Amino acid sequence: MTDALASLIHERLQTLEPSELDIINESHLHAGHAGAQGGASHFRVIIASKQFDGISTLARHRLVYDRVHDLMPFPIHALAIQAKTTA
């Protein structure tokens, strides 16, 4: 499921027209964690987009969360975001 979930996250973030997009499943780092017990996944997203130019880090994160919010808290338990400008 995590490969399919990573693909779904990737697909949804394409609307931000990223020049860089890496989606890393970090679930194995959280084995034994309460969120991992129910099968929910931990992901790290590294994304760069022109749409982030000139806006705050918080606004960038909101743009990312807006595209995946319905997947939280299950099947995504945690999402770490590094949202970069292209400037």
N, C-alpha and C. Protein backbone atom coordinates (compact mmCIF):
# COMPACT_ATOMS: atom_id res chain seq x y z
N MET A 1 0.82 -1.20 0.00
CA MET A 1 0.00 0.00 0.00
C MET A 1 0.86 1.26 0.00
N THR A 2 2.02 1.21 0.61
CA THR A 2 2.80 2.44 0.71
C THR A 2 3.33 2.90 -0.64
N ASP A 3 3.65 1.96 -1.55
CA ASP A 3 4.07 2.37 -2.90
C ASP A 3 2.92 3.04 -3.62
N ALA A 4 1.74 2.46 -3.50
CA ALA A 4 0.56 3.06 -4.12
C ALA A 4 0.24 4.40 -3.48
N LEU A 5 0.43 4.50 -2.19
CA LEU A 5 0.17 5.75 -1.49
C LEU A 5 1.17 6.82 -1.90
N ALA A 6 2.43 6.45 -2.02
CA ALA A 6 3.45 7.40 -2.48
C ALA A 6 3.12 7.88 -3.89
N SER A 7 2.64 6.98 -4.73
CA SER A 7 2.25 7.35 -6.10
C SER A 7 1.06 8.31 -6.08
N LEU A 8 0.13 8.07 -5.18
CA LEU A 8 -1.03 8.96 -5.07
C LEU A 8 -0.61 10.35 -4.60
N ILE A 9 0.27 10.42 -3.62
CA ILE A 9 0.78 11.71 -3.15
C ILE A 9 1.49 12.42 -4.30
N HIS A 10 2.33 11.69 -5.02
CA HIS A 10 3.06 12.25 -6.16
C HIS A 10 2.09 12.82 -7.19
N GLU A 11 1.07 12.06 -7.51
CA GLU A 11 0.07 12.49 -8.49
C GLU A 11 -0.63 13.77 -8.04
N ARG A 12 -1.04 13.82 -6.80
CA ARG A 12 -1.76 14.99 -6.30
C ARG A 12 -0.88 16.24 -6.26
N LEU A 13 0.39 16.07 -5.96
CA LEU A 13 1.28 17.23 -5.87
C LEU A 13 1.70 17.75 -7.23
N GLN A 14 1.41 17.02 -8.29
CA GLN A 14 1.72 17.49 -9.64
C GLN A 14 0.97 18.77 -9.98
N THR A 15 -0.13 19.03 -9.31
CA THR A 15 -0.88 20.27 -9.56
C THR A 15 -0.08 21.50 -9.16
N LEU A 16 0.97 21.30 -8.35
CA LEU A 16 1.84 22.42 -7.96
C LEU A 16 2.97 22.63 -8.98
N GLU A 17 2.97 21.83 -10.03
CA GLU A 17 3.97 21.92 -11.09
C GLU A 17 5.40 21.96 -10.52
N PRO A 18 5.77 20.94 -9.76
CA PRO A 18 7.08 20.96 -9.10
C PRO A 18 8.24 20.81 -10.08
N SER A 19 9.31 21.52 -9.79
CA SER A 19 10.56 21.33 -10.53
C SER A 19 11.40 20.25 -9.84
N GLU A 20 11.05 19.96 -8.60
CA GLU A 20 11.68 18.89 -7.82
C GLU A 20 10.60 18.27 -6.95
N LEU A 21 10.56 16.95 -6.89
CA LEU A 21 9.59 16.28 -6.03
C LEU A 21 10.14 14.92 -5.63
N ASP A 22 10.38 14.76 -4.35
CA ASP A 22 10.80 13.48 -3.79
C ASP A 22 9.83 13.11 -2.68
N ILE A 23 9.36 11.89 -2.71
CA ILE A 23 8.47 11.39 -1.67
C ILE A 23 9.16 10.18 -1.06
N ILE A 24 9.44 10.28 0.22
CA ILE A 24 10.22 9.25 0.91
C ILE A 24 9.36 8.63 2.00
N ASN A 25 9.22 7.32 1.94
CA ASN A 25 8.48 6.60 2.97
C ASN A 25 9.42 6.38 4.16
N GLU A 26 9.08 6.98 5.28
CA GLU A 26 9.89 6.86 6.50
C GLU A 26 9.20 6.01 7.57
N SER A 27 8.24 5.23 7.16
CA SER A 27 7.47 4.43 8.12
C SER A 27 8.36 3.50 8.93
N HIS A 28 9.39 2.94 8.30
CA HIS A 28 10.27 2.00 9.01
C HIS A 28 11.01 2.67 10.17
N LEU A 29 11.16 3.98 10.12
CA LEU A 29 11.83 4.70 11.20
C LEU A 29 10.94 4.87 12.43
N HIS A 30 9.66 4.55 12.26
CA HIS A 30 8.69 4.78 13.33
C HIS A 30 8.06 3.47 13.81
N ALA A 31 8.73 2.37 13.57
CA ALA A 31 8.21 1.08 14.02
C ALA A 31 8.00 1.13 15.53
N GLY A 32 6.84 0.68 15.97
CA GLY A 32 6.51 0.70 17.38
C GLY A 32 5.82 1.98 17.83
N HIS A 33 5.85 3.00 17.01
CA HIS A 33 5.18 4.27 17.29
C HIS A 33 3.67 4.04 17.21
N ALA A 34 2.93 4.76 18.01
CA ALA A 34 1.47 4.56 18.07
C ALA A 34 0.82 4.67 16.70
N GLY A 35 1.24 5.61 15.88
CA GLY A 35 0.64 5.78 14.57
C GLY A 35 0.97 4.66 13.61
N ALA A 36 2.10 4.02 13.82
CA ALA A 36 2.52 2.94 12.93
C ALA A 36 1.76 1.65 13.21
N GLN A 37 1.23 1.49 14.40
CA GLN A 37 0.58 0.25 14.78
C GLN A 37 -0.66 -0.04 13.96
N GLY A 38 -1.38 0.97 13.56
CA GLY A 38 -2.60 0.76 12.79
C GLY A 38 -2.36 0.68 11.30
N GLY A 39 -1.10 0.69 10.88
CA GLY A 39 -0.78 0.59 9.47
C GLY A 39 -0.67 1.92 8.76
N ALA A 40 -0.80 3.01 9.49
CA ALA A 40 -0.66 4.33 8.87
C ALA A 40 0.81 4.60 8.56
N SER A 41 1.05 5.41 7.55
CA SER A 41 2.41 5.63 7.05
C SER A 41 2.95 7.01 7.38
N HIS A 42 4.27 7.07 7.43
CA HIS A 42 5.01 8.32 7.65
C HIS A 42 5.75 8.65 6.36
N PHE A 43 5.56 9.85 5.84
CA PHE A 43 6.23 10.26 4.61
C PHE A 43 6.95 11.59 4.80
N ARG A 44 8.01 11.76 4.02
CA ARG A 44 8.72 13.04 3.90
C ARG A 44 8.57 13.48 2.46
N VAL A 45 8.15 14.73 2.26
CA VAL A 45 8.01 15.30 0.93
C VAL A 45 9.01 16.44 0.79
N ILE A 46 9.81 16.37 -0.25
CA ILE A 46 10.71 17.46 -0.62
C ILE A 46 10.23 17.96 -1.97
N ILE A 47 9.82 19.22 -2.00
CA ILE A 47 9.21 19.75 -3.21
C ILE A 47 9.68 21.18 -3.45
N ALA A 48 9.92 21.50 -4.71
CA ALA A 48 10.24 22.88 -5.12
C ALA A 48 9.26 23.25 -6.23
N SER A 49 8.74 24.46 -6.14
CA SER A 49 7.76 24.91 -7.13
C SER A 49 7.80 26.42 -7.26
N LYS A 50 7.58 26.91 -8.47
CA LYS A 50 7.47 28.35 -8.68
C LYS A 50 6.27 28.92 -7.92
N GLN A 51 5.27 28.08 -7.67
CA GLN A 51 4.10 28.53 -6.92
C GLN A 51 4.44 28.90 -5.48
N PHE A 52 5.60 28.48 -5.00
CA PHE A 52 6.04 28.82 -3.64
C PHE A 52 6.80 30.13 -3.58
N ASP A 53 7.21 30.64 -4.73
CA ASP A 53 7.98 31.88 -4.76
C ASP A 53 7.17 33.04 -4.16
N GLY A 54 7.77 33.74 -3.22
CA GLY A 54 7.14 34.91 -2.63
C GLY A 54 6.12 34.65 -1.55
N ILE A 55 5.96 33.38 -1.12
CA ILE A 55 5.01 33.11 -0.04
C ILE A 55 5.75 32.47 1.14
N SER A 56 5.14 32.56 2.30
CA SER A 56 5.76 32.07 3.53
C SER A 56 5.84 30.54 3.55
N THR A 57 6.68 30.03 4.43
CA THR A 57 6.80 28.59 4.62
C THR A 57 5.45 27.99 5.01
N LEU A 58 4.74 28.67 5.89
CA LEU A 58 3.42 28.19 6.31
C LEU A 58 2.47 28.09 5.12
N ALA A 59 2.47 29.09 4.26
CA ALA A 59 1.61 29.07 3.08
C ALA A 59 2.00 27.93 2.13
N ARG A 60 3.28 27.67 2.01
CA ARG A 60 3.74 26.55 1.16
C ARG A 60 3.23 25.23 1.71
N HIS A 61 3.36 25.06 3.02
CA HIS A 61 2.89 23.82 3.66
C HIS A 61 1.38 23.67 3.47
N ARG A 62 0.66 24.75 3.57
CA ARG A 62 -0.80 24.67 3.37
C ARG A 62 -1.14 24.21 1.96
N LEU A 63 -0.39 24.69 0.98
CA LEU A 63 -0.63 24.26 -0.40
C LEU A 63 -0.42 22.75 -0.55
N VAL A 64 0.58 22.22 0.13
CA VAL A 64 0.82 20.78 0.09
C VAL A 64 -0.29 20.04 0.83
N TYR A 65 -0.57 20.45 2.06
CA TYR A 65 -1.61 19.78 2.86
C TYR A 65 -2.97 19.83 2.17
N ASP A 66 -3.27 20.91 1.48
CA ASP A 66 -4.56 21.02 0.78
C ASP A 66 -4.77 19.87 -0.20
N ARG A 67 -3.69 19.33 -0.71
CA ARG A 67 -3.79 18.28 -1.72
C ARG A 67 -3.85 16.87 -1.13
N VAL A 68 -3.53 16.72 0.15
CA VAL A 68 -3.51 15.38 0.75
C VAL A 68 -4.29 15.29 2.07
N HIS A 69 -4.95 16.35 2.46
CA HIS A 69 -5.60 16.40 3.78
C HIS A 69 -6.58 15.27 4.01
N ASP A 70 -7.24 14.80 2.96
CA ASP A 70 -8.22 13.73 3.13
C ASP A 70 -7.57 12.37 3.40
N LEU A 71 -6.26 12.29 3.25
CA LEU A 71 -5.53 11.04 3.52
C LEU A 71 -4.98 10.99 4.94
N MET A 72 -5.25 12.03 5.72
CA MET A 72 -4.74 12.10 7.09
C MET A 72 -5.92 12.07 8.07
N PRO A 73 -5.83 11.37 9.16
CA PRO A 73 -4.67 10.69 9.73
C PRO A 73 -4.48 9.27 9.21
N PHE A 74 -5.35 8.80 8.32
CA PHE A 74 -5.15 7.47 7.74
C PHE A 74 -5.50 7.53 6.28
N PRO A 75 -4.68 7.03 5.43
CA PRO A 75 -3.53 6.16 5.64
C PRO A 75 -2.21 6.88 5.92
N ILE A 76 -2.19 8.22 5.88
CA ILE A 76 -0.97 8.95 6.24
C ILE A 76 -1.08 9.38 7.69
N HIS A 77 -0.15 8.93 8.51
CA HIS A 77 -0.13 9.35 9.92
C HIS A 77 0.67 10.63 10.09
N ALA A 78 1.78 10.75 9.35
CA ALA A 78 2.65 11.91 9.50
C ALA A 78 3.22 12.29 8.14
N LEU A 79 3.34 13.60 7.93
CA LEU A 79 3.89 14.13 6.68
C LEU A 79 4.85 15.25 7.01
N ALA A 80 6.13 15.00 6.78
CA ALA A 80 7.17 16.02 6.96
C ALA A 80 7.35 16.69 5.60
N ILE A 81 7.35 18.02 5.59
CA ILE A 81 7.40 18.76 4.33
C ILE A 81 8.60 19.69 4.31
N GLN A 82 9.34 19.62 3.22
CA GLN A 82 10.37 20.61 2.91
C GLN A 82 9.93 21.23 1.58
N ALA A 83 9.35 22.42 1.65
CA ALA A 83 8.81 23.09 0.47
C ALA A 83 9.71 24.27 0.12
N LYS A 84 10.34 24.19 -1.05
CA LYS A 84 11.35 25.17 -1.43
C LYS A 84 10.88 26.02 -2.60
N THR A 85 11.39 27.23 -2.64
CA THR A 85 11.14 28.10 -3.78
C THR A 85 12.11 27.72 -4.89
N THR A 86 11.86 28.24 -6.07
CA THR A 86 12.77 28.00 -7.19
C THR A 86 13.71 29.17 -7.39
N ALA A 87 13.48 30.25 -6.64
CA ALA A 87 14.30 31.45 -6.79
C ALA A 87 15.66 31.28 -6.16
